[in-house]
Amino acid sequence: MYEFDNCGQGIDLLPWTWRAILEIAHNYGWKPAGTEDPEFDKPPNGQWDGNYLEGALQKVKYQDAINLGNTLEKAVLDIFSGSYKTKHLSRKLKLKLKELEKVEGHKNLVQYVCFFKQGHFTIWR
């Protein structure tokens, strides 16, 4: 389980859901800026690679989080309207969108968009 915190407000995501959100957002045009160094869990070599999957208390910057939320919102609107079915998207991406809707439901997807659009957050597990 991934946990995300923004000034005491948080959400929990299954690992599959978080990876799906990142992949979908990337396919919808999100350009990840990379995460900031984790404060407490430094890598053995001291070099942070900016990843979003480690769950090591890395921070997503304000504008990057908003961009993620805005991009995910486009995908969620496509899910709600069903328009993703007729868009020029890969079959794999269409299946991922359908599965995300099935696993998370509309209410959770809206909650995730709203959370990311608040700005910066911390990723941990």
C-alpha atoms as a PDB file:
ATOM      1  CA  MET A   1       0.000   0.000   0.000  1.00  0.00           C
ATOM      2  CA  TYR A   2       1.270   3.444  -0.915  1.00  0.00           C
ATOM      3  CA  GLU A   3       0.411   6.323   1.375  1.00  0.00           C
ATOM      4  CA  PHE A   4       0.392   9.928   0.223  1.00  0.00           C
ATOM      5  CA  ASP A   5       0.414  12.901   2.554  1.00  0.00           C
ATOM      6  CA  ASN A   6      -0.205  16.587   1.944  1.00  0.00           C
ATOM      7  CA  CYS A   7      -0.069  18.594   5.177  1.00  0.00           C
ATOM      8  CA  GLY A   8      -1.917  15.941   7.152  1.00  0.00           C
ATOM      9  CA  GLN A   9      -4.438  15.069   4.452  1.00  0.00           C
ATOM     10  CA  GLY A  10      -3.776  11.753   2.810  1.00  0.00           C
ATOM     11  CA  ILE A  11      -4.877   8.979   0.530  1.00  0.00           C
ATOM     12  CA  ASP A  12      -3.893   5.321   0.300  1.00  0.00           C
ATOM     13  CA  LEU A  13      -3.423   3.536  -3.012  1.00  0.00           C
ATOM     14  CA  LEU A  14      -2.773  -0.054  -3.938  1.00  0.00           C
ATOM     15  CA  PRO A  15       0.576  -0.446  -5.715  1.00  0.00           C
ATOM     16  CA  TRP A  16      -1.236  -1.467  -8.926  1.00  0.00           C
ATOM     17  CA  THR A  17      -3.392   1.670  -8.782  1.00  0.00           C
ATOM     18  CA  TRP A  18      -0.421   4.014  -8.284  1.00  0.00           C
ATOM     19  CA  ARG A  19       1.520   2.424 -11.157  1.00  0.00           C
ATOM     20  CA  ALA A  20      -1.602   2.603 -13.363  1.00  0.00           C
ATOM     21  CA  ILE A  21      -2.106   6.293 -12.520  1.00  0.00           C
ATOM     22  CA  LEU A  22       1.504   7.077 -13.420  1.00  0.00           C
ATOM     23  CA  GLU A  23       1.309   5.142 -16.686  1.00  0.00           C
ATOM     24  CA  ILE A  24      -2.037   6.646 -17.688  1.00  0.00           C
ATOM     25  CA  ALA A  25      -0.937  10.187 -16.814  1.00  0.00           C
ATOM     26  CA  HIS A  26       2.254   9.716 -18.818  1.00  0.00           C
ATOM     27  CA  ASN A  27       0.229   8.495 -21.818  1.00  0.00           C
ATOM     28  CA  TYR A  28      -2.061  11.509 -21.485  1.00  0.00           C
ATOM     29  CA  GLY A  29       0.907  13.875 -21.688  1.00  0.00           C
ATOM     30  CA  TRP A  30       2.140  14.340 -18.114  1.00  0.00           C
ATOM     31  CA  LYS A  31       5.851  15.145 -18.037  1.00  0.00           C
ATOM     32  CA  PRO A  32       7.144  14.026 -14.632  1.00  0.00           C
ATOM     33  CA  ALA A  33       9.601  16.455 -13.059  1.00  0.00           C
ATOM     34  CA  GLY A  34      11.054  13.829 -10.729  1.00  0.00           C
ATOM     35  CA  THR A  35      10.727  13.640  -6.981  1.00  0.00           C
ATOM     36  CA  GLU A  36      12.913  15.392  -4.424  1.00  0.00           C
ATOM     37  CA  ASP A  37      15.311  13.496  -2.180  1.00  0.00           C
ATOM     38  CA  PRO A  38      13.687  11.654   0.688  1.00  0.00           C
ATOM     39  CA  GLU A  39      14.572  13.318   3.976  1.00  0.00           C
ATOM     40  CA  PHE A  40      15.263  10.215   6.023  1.00  0.00           C
ATOM     41  CA  ASP A  41      15.738   7.200   3.750  1.00  0.00           C
ATOM     42  CA  LYS A  42      18.752   8.123   1.610  1.00  0.00           C
ATOM     43  CA  PRO A  43      19.888   5.629  -1.046  1.00  0.00           C
ATOM     44  CA  PRO A  44      23.092   3.712  -0.256  1.00  0.00           C
ATOM     45  CA  ASN A  45      25.076   5.595  -2.910  1.00  0.00           C
ATOM     46  CA  GLY A  46      23.671   8.959  -1.787  1.00  0.00           C
ATOM     47  CA  GLN A  47      22.243   9.694  -5.257  1.00  0.00           C
ATOM     48  CA  TRP A  48      18.467  10.005  -5.533  1.00  0.00           C
ATOM     49  CA  ASP A  49      17.075   9.085  -8.965  1.00  0.00           C
ATOM     50  CA  GLY A  50      13.815  11.045  -8.669  1.00  0.00           C
ATOM     51  CA  ASN A  51      11.535   8.011  -8.934  1.00  0.00           C
ATOM     52  CA  TYR A  52       7.868   7.908  -7.943  1.00  0.00           C
ATOM     53  CA  LEU A  53       7.710   4.231  -6.950  1.00  0.00           C
ATOM     54  CA  GLU A  54      10.167   3.822  -4.091  1.00  0.00           C
ATOM     55  CA  GLY A  55       7.820   5.007  -1.325  1.00  0.00           C
ATOM     56  CA  ALA A  56      10.776   6.385   0.635  1.00  0.00           C
ATOM     57  CA  LEU A  57       9.263   9.685   1.804  1.00  0.00           C
ATOM     58  CA  GLN A  58      10.207  11.400  -1.442  1.00  0.00           C
ATOM     59  CA  LYS A  59       8.400  14.625  -2.217  1.00  0.00           C
ATOM     60  CA  VAL A  60       6.488  15.542  -5.355  1.00  0.00           C
ATOM     61  CA  LYS A  61       6.853  19.237  -6.064  1.00  0.00           C
ATOM     62  CA  TYR A  62       3.878  21.596  -6.158  1.00  0.00           C
ATOM     63  CA  GLN A  63       3.602  22.169  -9.927  1.00  0.00           C
ATOM     64  CA  ASP A  64       4.409  18.535 -10.749  1.00  0.00           C
ATOM     65  CA  ALA A  65       1.551  17.370  -8.496  1.00  0.00           C
ATOM     66  CA  ILE A  66      -0.860  19.855 -10.070  1.00  0.00           C
ATOM     67  CA  ASN A  67       0.201  18.761 -13.562  1.00  0.00           C
ATOM     68  CA  LEU A  68      -0.351  15.126 -12.548  1.00  0.00           C
ATOM     69  CA  GLY A  69      -3.818  16.001 -11.234  1.00  0.00           C
ATOM     70  CA  ASN A  70      -4.759  17.971 -14.345  1.00  0.00           C
ATOM     71  CA  THR A  71      -3.590  15.197 -16.646  1.00  0.00           C
ATOM     72  CA  LEU A  72      -5.288  12.476 -14.616  1.00  0.00           C
ATOM     73  CA  GLU A  73      -8.471  14.549 -14.704  1.00  0.00           C
ATOM     74  CA  LYS A  74      -8.495  14.315 -18.516  1.00  0.00           C
ATOM     75  CA  ALA A  75      -8.231  10.529 -18.299  1.00  0.00           C
ATOM     76  CA  VAL A  76     -10.920  10.335 -15.610  1.00  0.00           C
ATOM     77  CA  LEU A  77     -13.287  12.443 -17.741  1.00  0.00           C
ATOM     78  CA  ASP A  78     -12.650  10.029 -20.610  1.00  0.00           C
ATOM     79  CA  ILE A  79     -13.424   7.129 -18.277  1.00  0.00           C
ATOM     80  CA  PHE A  80     -16.667   8.704 -17.037  1.00  0.00           C
ATOM     81  CA  SER A  81     -17.880   9.559 -20.545  1.00  0.00           C
ATOM     82  CA  GLY A  82     -16.630   6.331 -22.105  1.00  0.00           C
ATOM     83  CA  SER A  83     -14.902   8.387 -24.800  1.00  0.00           C
ATOM     84  CA  TYR A  84     -11.597   6.574 -24.230  1.00  0.00           C
ATOM     85  CA  LYS A  85     -13.123   3.647 -26.135  1.00  0.00           C
ATOM     86  CA  THR A  86     -13.149   5.627 -29.400  1.00  0.00           C
ATOM     87  CA  LYS A  87      -9.918   7.607 -28.929  1.00  0.00           C
ATOM     88  CA  HIS A  88      -6.695   6.686 -30.682  1.00  0.00           C
ATOM     89  CA  LEU A  89      -5.169   5.021 -27.635  1.00  0.00           C
ATOM     90  CA  SER A  90      -3.334   1.732 -27.471  1.00  0.00           C
ATOM     91  CA  ARG A  91      -5.385  -1.337 -26.631  1.00  0.00           C
ATOM     92  CA  LYS A  92      -3.259  -1.789 -23.520  1.00  0.00           C
ATOM     93  CA  LEU A  93      -4.037   1.741 -22.317  1.00  0.00           C
ATOM     94  CA  LYS A  94      -7.761   1.300 -22.973  1.00  0.00           C
ATOM     95  CA  LEU A  95      -7.739  -1.891 -20.915  1.00  0.00           C
ATOM     96  CA  LYS A  96      -5.848  -0.127 -18.118  1.00  0.00           C
ATOM     97  CA  LEU A  97      -8.397   2.718 -18.054  1.00  0.00           C
ATOM     98  CA  LYS A  98     -11.272   0.219 -17.928  1.00  0.00           C
ATOM     99  CA  GLU A  99      -9.577  -1.747 -15.144  1.00  0.00           C
ATOM    100  CA  LEU A 100      -8.823   1.410 -13.135  1.00  0.00           C
ATOM    101  CA  GLU A 101     -12.496   2.357 -13.275  1.00  0.00           C
ATOM    102  CA  LYS A 102     -13.512  -1.140 -12.184  1.00  0.00           C
ATOM    103  CA  VAL A 103     -11.007  -1.358  -9.313  1.00  0.00           C
ATOM    104  CA  GLU A 104     -11.307   2.196  -7.962  1.00  0.00           C
ATOM    105  CA  GLY A 105     -14.735   3.462  -8.994  1.00  0.00           C
ATOM    106  CA  HIS A 106     -15.743   7.011  -9.862  1.00  0.00           C
ATOM    107  CA  LYS A 107     -15.736   8.398  -6.312  1.00  0.00           C
ATOM    108  CA  ASN A 108     -12.138   7.348  -5.627  1.00  0.00           C
ATOM    109  CA  LEU A 109     -10.892   8.581  -8.999  1.00  0.00           C
ATOM    110  CA  VAL A 110     -12.357  12.032  -8.328  1.00  0.00           C
ATOM    111  CA  GLN A 111     -10.780  11.991  -4.854  1.00  0.00           C
ATOM    112  CA  TYR A 112      -7.343  11.202  -6.337  1.00  0.00           C
ATOM    113  CA  VAL A 113      -7.605  14.004  -8.905  1.00  0.00           C
ATOM    114  CA  CYS A 114      -8.579  16.489  -6.183  1.00  0.00           C
ATOM    115  CA  PHE A 115      -5.737  15.337  -3.929  1.00  0.00           C
ATOM    116  CA  PHE A 116      -3.054  15.703  -6.601  1.00  0.00           C
ATOM    117  CA  LYS A 117      -4.408  19.101  -7.694  1.00  0.00           C
ATOM    118  CA  GLN A 118      -3.815  20.440  -4.156  1.00  0.00           C
ATOM    119  CA  GLY A 119      -0.116  20.503  -4.945  1.00  0.00           C
ATOM    120  CA  HIS A 120       2.973  18.903  -3.384  1.00  0.00           C
ATOM    121  CA  PHE A 121       2.762  15.612  -1.511  1.00  0.00           C
ATOM    122  CA  THR A 122       4.971  12.950   0.059  1.00  0.00           C
ATOM    123  CA  ILE A 123       5.034   9.301  -1.036  1.00  0.00           C
ATOM    124  CA  TRP A 124       5.611   6.563   1.537  1.00  0.00           C
ATOM    125  CA  ARG A 125       4.772   2.923   2.204  1.00  0.00           C
END
